[in-house]
Amino acid sequence: MTKKYKVNLTKHAQNDLEHIYYYIASNSPDNAVNFVLQLEEKLYSLNTYPERHPLIPENEFFGTDYRHLIYKKYRVIYRVIAGSVFILRIIHGAKILQV
């Protein structure tokens, strides 16, 4: 049986998702809704095998064990702790994570 993890969005990740929505919605509300729904589907897919995605390169500098899921032009930065996945940030792929 596949282990299920609980997926949690931090306040920062919720704010990131909201900003992404409003950025896309400024040109096309329909595209914004579709994009966010697809992105959320990817986020919640982390409830199984969250370790399947690679560790982020910034771990070397921060001393962390964060992973990232790439979706289109965005990076979903997350951490797996025990039976939970914590979505920390959702940033544009061109940006470097800052803690």
N, C-alpha and C. Protein backbone atom coordinates (compact mmCIF):
# COMPACT_ATOMS: atom_id res chain seq x y z
N MET A 1 0.84 -1.18 0.00
CA MET A 1 0.00 0.00 0.00
C MET A 1 0.89 1.25 0.00
N THR A 2 0.52 2.25 -0.77
CA THR A 2 1.27 3.48 -0.90
C THR A 2 1.04 4.38 0.30
N LYS A 3 2.14 4.87 0.86
CA LYS A 3 2.03 5.79 1.99
C LYS A 3 1.50 7.13 1.49
N LYS A 4 0.55 7.68 2.22
CA LYS A 4 -0.02 8.98 1.89
C LYS A 4 0.53 10.04 2.84
N TYR A 5 0.97 11.13 2.28
CA TYR A 5 1.48 12.26 3.04
C TYR A 5 0.41 13.35 3.08
N LYS A 6 0.41 14.10 4.15
CA LYS A 6 -0.49 15.25 4.25
C LYS A 6 0.23 16.45 3.63
N VAL A 7 -0.43 17.11 2.69
CA VAL A 7 0.16 18.27 2.00
C VAL A 7 -0.36 19.54 2.67
N ASN A 8 0.59 20.39 3.10
CA ASN A 8 0.27 21.64 3.79
C ASN A 8 0.87 22.81 3.04
N LEU A 9 0.09 23.84 2.80
CA LEU A 9 0.62 25.06 2.19
C LEU A 9 0.90 26.08 3.29
N THR A 10 2.12 26.58 3.31
CA THR A 10 2.45 27.63 4.27
C THR A 10 1.78 28.93 3.83
N LYS A 11 1.78 29.89 4.70
CA LYS A 11 1.20 31.21 4.38
C LYS A 11 1.94 31.84 3.19
N HIS A 12 3.27 31.69 3.16
CA HIS A 12 4.05 32.22 2.03
C HIS A 12 3.60 31.59 0.72
N ALA A 13 3.41 30.27 0.72
CA ALA A 13 2.99 29.57 -0.50
C ALA A 13 1.58 29.99 -0.91
N GLN A 14 0.70 30.18 0.05
CA GLN A 14 -0.65 30.64 -0.26
C GLN A 14 -0.60 32.02 -0.91
N ASN A 15 0.24 32.91 -0.35
CA ASN A 15 0.41 34.25 -0.92
C ASN A 15 1.00 34.19 -2.32
N ASP A 16 1.99 33.31 -2.51
CA ASP A 16 2.59 33.14 -3.83
C ASP A 16 1.54 32.71 -4.85
N LEU A 17 0.71 31.76 -4.47
CA LEU A 17 -0.34 31.25 -5.36
C LEU A 17 -1.33 32.36 -5.72
N GLU A 18 -1.67 33.16 -4.74
CA GLU A 18 -2.58 34.28 -4.97
C GLU A 18 -1.96 35.30 -5.93
N HIS A 19 -0.69 35.61 -5.73
CA HIS A 19 -0.01 36.57 -6.62
C HIS A 19 0.08 36.04 -8.05
N ILE A 20 0.33 34.76 -8.19
CA ILE A 20 0.39 34.15 -9.52
C ILE A 20 -0.98 34.27 -10.19
N TYR A 21 -2.02 33.99 -9.44
CA TYR A 21 -3.37 34.10 -9.98
C TYR A 21 -3.64 35.52 -10.50
N TYR A 22 -3.38 36.51 -9.65
CA TYR A 22 -3.68 37.89 -10.04
C TYR A 22 -2.80 38.37 -11.19
N TYR A 23 -1.58 37.90 -11.25
CA TYR A 23 -0.69 38.27 -12.35
C TYR A 23 -1.26 37.75 -13.67
N ILE A 24 -1.66 36.48 -13.70
CA ILE A 24 -2.21 35.90 -14.93
C ILE A 24 -3.59 36.49 -15.23
N ALA A 25 -4.39 36.70 -14.19
CA ALA A 25 -5.75 37.22 -14.36
C ALA A 25 -5.77 38.63 -14.94
N SER A 26 -4.69 39.37 -14.77
CA SER A 26 -4.67 40.72 -15.33
C SER A 26 -4.78 40.68 -16.85
N ASN A 27 -4.40 39.57 -17.46
CA ASN A 27 -4.54 39.40 -18.91
C ASN A 27 -5.70 38.48 -19.27
N SER A 28 -5.93 37.46 -18.45
CA SER A 28 -6.97 36.48 -18.77
C SER A 28 -7.44 35.76 -17.52
N PRO A 29 -8.58 36.17 -16.97
CA PRO A 29 -9.10 35.49 -15.78
C PRO A 29 -9.32 33.99 -15.98
N ASP A 30 -9.78 33.60 -17.17
CA ASP A 30 -10.00 32.17 -17.42
C ASP A 30 -8.69 31.39 -17.38
N ASN A 31 -7.66 31.93 -17.99
CA ASN A 31 -6.35 31.27 -17.95
C ASN A 31 -5.82 31.18 -16.53
N ALA A 32 -6.07 32.22 -15.75
CA ALA A 32 -5.60 32.23 -14.36
C ALA A 32 -6.26 31.11 -13.56
N VAL A 33 -7.55 30.95 -13.71
CA VAL A 33 -8.27 29.90 -12.99
C VAL A 33 -7.73 28.53 -13.40
N ASN A 34 -7.60 28.32 -14.71
CA ASN A 34 -7.12 27.03 -15.20
C ASN A 34 -5.70 26.74 -14.73
N PHE A 35 -4.84 27.74 -14.79
CA PHE A 35 -3.45 27.55 -14.38
C PHE A 35 -3.37 27.19 -12.90
N VAL A 36 -4.06 27.93 -12.07
CA VAL A 36 -4.01 27.68 -10.63
C VAL A 36 -4.60 26.31 -10.29
N LEU A 37 -5.67 25.93 -10.94
CA LEU A 37 -6.25 24.60 -10.69
C LEU A 37 -5.26 23.49 -11.07
N GLN A 38 -4.60 23.64 -12.20
CA GLN A 38 -3.61 22.65 -12.63
C GLN A 38 -2.42 22.62 -11.67
N LEU A 39 -1.99 23.80 -11.24
CA LEU A 39 -0.88 23.88 -10.29
C LEU A 39 -1.25 23.23 -8.96
N GLU A 40 -2.45 23.50 -8.48
CA GLU A 40 -2.91 22.88 -7.23
C GLU A 40 -2.96 21.36 -7.37
N GLU A 41 -3.36 20.87 -8.53
CA GLU A 41 -3.38 19.42 -8.75
C GLU A 41 -1.96 18.85 -8.60
N LYS A 42 -0.98 19.55 -9.14
CA LYS A 42 0.43 19.12 -8.99
C LYS A 42 0.85 19.17 -7.53
N LEU A 43 0.47 20.24 -6.81
CA LEU A 43 0.83 20.37 -5.40
C LEU A 43 0.32 19.18 -4.61
N TYR A 44 -0.95 18.86 -4.79
CA TYR A 44 -1.56 17.81 -4.00
C TYR A 44 -1.17 16.40 -4.46
N SER A 45 -0.53 16.33 -5.64
CA SER A 45 0.01 15.03 -6.07
C SER A 45 1.22 14.63 -5.22
N LEU A 46 1.73 15.58 -4.46
CA LEU A 46 2.86 15.29 -3.57
C LEU A 46 2.44 14.43 -2.39
N ASN A 47 1.16 14.11 -2.30
CA ASN A 47 0.71 13.24 -1.20
C ASN A 47 1.23 11.82 -1.36
N THR A 48 1.74 11.49 -2.54
CA THR A 48 2.38 10.19 -2.75
C THR A 48 3.77 10.42 -3.34
N TYR A 49 4.74 9.71 -2.84
CA TYR A 49 6.13 9.75 -3.30
C TYR A 49 6.70 11.18 -3.47
N PRO A 50 6.62 12.02 -2.46
CA PRO A 50 7.14 13.38 -2.62
C PRO A 50 8.65 13.42 -2.86
N GLU A 51 9.35 12.34 -2.50
CA GLU A 51 10.80 12.29 -2.70
C GLU A 51 11.18 12.08 -4.16
N ARG A 52 10.20 11.91 -5.03
CA ARG A 52 10.49 11.66 -6.45
C ARG A 52 11.06 12.89 -7.15
N HIS A 53 10.89 14.05 -6.55
CA HIS A 53 11.42 15.29 -7.14
C HIS A 53 12.78 15.60 -6.54
N PRO A 54 13.63 16.28 -7.31
CA PRO A 54 15.01 16.49 -6.86
C PRO A 54 15.15 17.52 -5.73
N LEU A 55 16.27 17.40 -5.06
CA LEU A 55 16.67 18.41 -4.07
C LEU A 55 17.04 19.69 -4.82
N ILE A 56 16.83 20.83 -4.18
CA ILE A 56 17.14 22.09 -4.84
C ILE A 56 18.63 22.41 -4.71
N PRO A 57 19.22 23.09 -5.70
CA PRO A 57 20.64 23.43 -5.63
C PRO A 57 20.98 24.35 -4.46
N GLU A 58 20.02 25.17 -4.05
CA GLU A 58 20.27 26.13 -2.96
C GLU A 58 20.52 25.44 -1.62
N ASN A 59 20.19 24.16 -1.50
CA ASN A 59 20.43 23.44 -0.24
C ASN A 59 21.89 23.54 0.19
N GLU A 60 22.78 23.55 -0.78
CA GLU A 60 24.21 23.63 -0.49
C GLU A 60 24.55 24.90 0.32
N PHE A 61 23.85 25.98 0.03
CA PHE A 61 24.11 27.26 0.71
C PHE A 61 23.33 27.40 2.01
N PHE A 62 22.11 26.86 2.04
CA PHE A 62 21.24 27.02 3.20
C PHE A 62 21.37 25.91 4.22
N GLY A 63 21.96 24.79 3.83
CA GLY A 63 22.04 23.65 4.73
C GLY A 63 20.68 23.02 4.98
N THR A 64 19.82 23.04 3.97
CA THR A 64 18.46 22.52 4.09
C THR A 64 18.33 21.24 3.25
N ASP A 65 17.16 20.66 3.29
CA ASP A 65 16.88 19.48 2.47
C ASP A 65 15.59 19.68 1.67
N TYR A 66 15.45 20.86 1.11
CA TYR A 66 14.26 21.20 0.33
C TYR A 66 14.31 20.52 -1.04
N ARG A 67 13.13 20.27 -1.57
CA ARG A 67 12.98 19.71 -2.90
C ARG A 67 12.16 20.68 -3.74
N HIS A 68 12.14 20.44 -5.05
CA HIS A 68 11.27 21.26 -5.88
C HIS A 68 10.59 20.45 -6.96
N LEU A 69 9.38 20.87 -7.23
CA LEU A 69 8.57 20.35 -8.30
C LEU A 69 8.50 21.48 -9.32
N ILE A 70 8.82 21.19 -10.55
CA ILE A 70 8.77 22.21 -11.60
C ILE A 70 7.44 22.06 -12.33
N TYR A 71 6.72 23.18 -12.44
CA TYR A 71 5.48 23.20 -13.21
C TYR A 71 5.51 24.42 -14.11
N LYS A 72 5.60 24.17 -15.40
CA LYS A 72 5.72 25.21 -16.41
C LYS A 72 6.88 26.13 -16.01
N LYS A 73 6.64 27.40 -15.76
CA LYS A 73 7.73 28.32 -15.43
C LYS A 73 7.93 28.51 -13.93
N TYR A 74 7.29 27.69 -13.12
CA TYR A 74 7.32 27.88 -11.68
C TYR A 74 7.99 26.71 -10.96
N ARG A 75 8.59 27.03 -9.83
CA ARG A 75 9.20 26.04 -8.94
C ARG A 75 8.39 26.00 -7.65
N VAL A 76 7.95 24.83 -7.28
CA VAL A 76 7.27 24.63 -6.01
C VAL A 76 8.33 24.09 -5.05
N ILE A 77 8.70 24.88 -4.07
CA ILE A 77 9.72 24.50 -3.09
C ILE A 77 9.02 23.89 -1.89
N TYR A 78 9.45 22.69 -1.52
CA TYR A 78 8.78 22.01 -0.41
C TYR A 78 9.76 21.19 0.41
N ARG A 79 9.27 20.77 1.56
CA ARG A 79 10.06 19.96 2.48
C ARG A 79 9.20 18.80 2.97
N VAL A 80 9.81 17.64 3.08
CA VAL A 80 9.12 16.46 3.58
C VAL A 80 9.57 16.24 5.02
N ILE A 81 8.62 16.21 5.94
CA ILE A 81 8.91 15.96 7.35
C ILE A 81 7.93 14.90 7.84
N ALA A 82 8.48 13.77 8.24
CA ALA A 82 7.68 12.64 8.73
C ALA A 82 6.60 12.32 7.70
N GLY A 83 5.34 12.39 8.06
CA GLY A 83 4.24 12.06 7.16
C GLY A 83 3.60 13.26 6.51
N SER A 84 4.35 14.38 6.43
CA SER A 84 3.78 15.61 5.88
C SER A 84 4.70 16.22 4.83
N VAL A 85 4.08 16.94 3.91
CA VAL A 85 4.79 17.73 2.92
C VAL A 85 4.39 19.18 3.18
N PHE A 86 5.39 20.03 3.34
CA PHE A 86 5.14 21.45 3.56
C PHE A 86 5.57 22.22 2.32
N ILE A 87 4.59 22.83 1.65
CA ILE A 87 4.88 23.67 0.49
C ILE A 87 5.33 25.01 1.05
N LEU A 88 6.59 25.35 0.80
CA LEU A 88 7.18 26.54 1.40
C LEU A 88 6.99 27.78 0.52
N ARG A 89 7.28 27.64 -0.76
CA ARG A 89 7.18 28.76 -1.69
C ARG A 89 6.81 28.25 -3.06
N ILE A 90 6.24 29.13 -3.87
CA ILE A 90 6.00 28.87 -5.28
C ILE A 90 6.56 30.09 -6.01
N ILE A 91 7.70 29.89 -6.67
CA ILE A 91 8.41 31.03 -7.26
C ILE A 91 8.62 30.81 -8.75
N HIS A 92 8.84 31.89 -9.46
CA HIS A 92 9.16 31.79 -10.88
C HIS A 92 10.49 31.07 -11.02
N GLY A 93 10.60 30.23 -12.02
CA GLY A 93 11.79 29.42 -12.21
C GLY A 93 13.07 30.21 -12.42
N ALA A 94 12.97 31.47 -12.84
CA ALA A 94 14.15 32.30 -13.07
C ALA A 94 14.71 32.87 -11.76
N LYS A 95 13.95 32.75 -10.69
CA LYS A 95 14.36 33.32 -9.42
C LYS A 95 15.10 32.28 -8.56
N ILE A 96 15.99 32.77 -7.73
CA ILE A 96 16.69 31.93 -6.77
C ILE A 96 15.95 32.05 -5.45
N LEU A 97 15.80 30.94 -4.77
CA LEU A 97 15.12 30.95 -3.48
C LEU A 97 15.90 31.77 -2.47
N GLN A 98 15.19 32.60 -1.74
CA GLN A 98 15.78 33.39 -0.66
C GLN A 98 15.05 33.03 0.61
N VAL A 99 15.81 32.76 1.68
CA VAL A 99 15.18 32.46 2.96
C VAL A 99 15.38 33.56 3.95
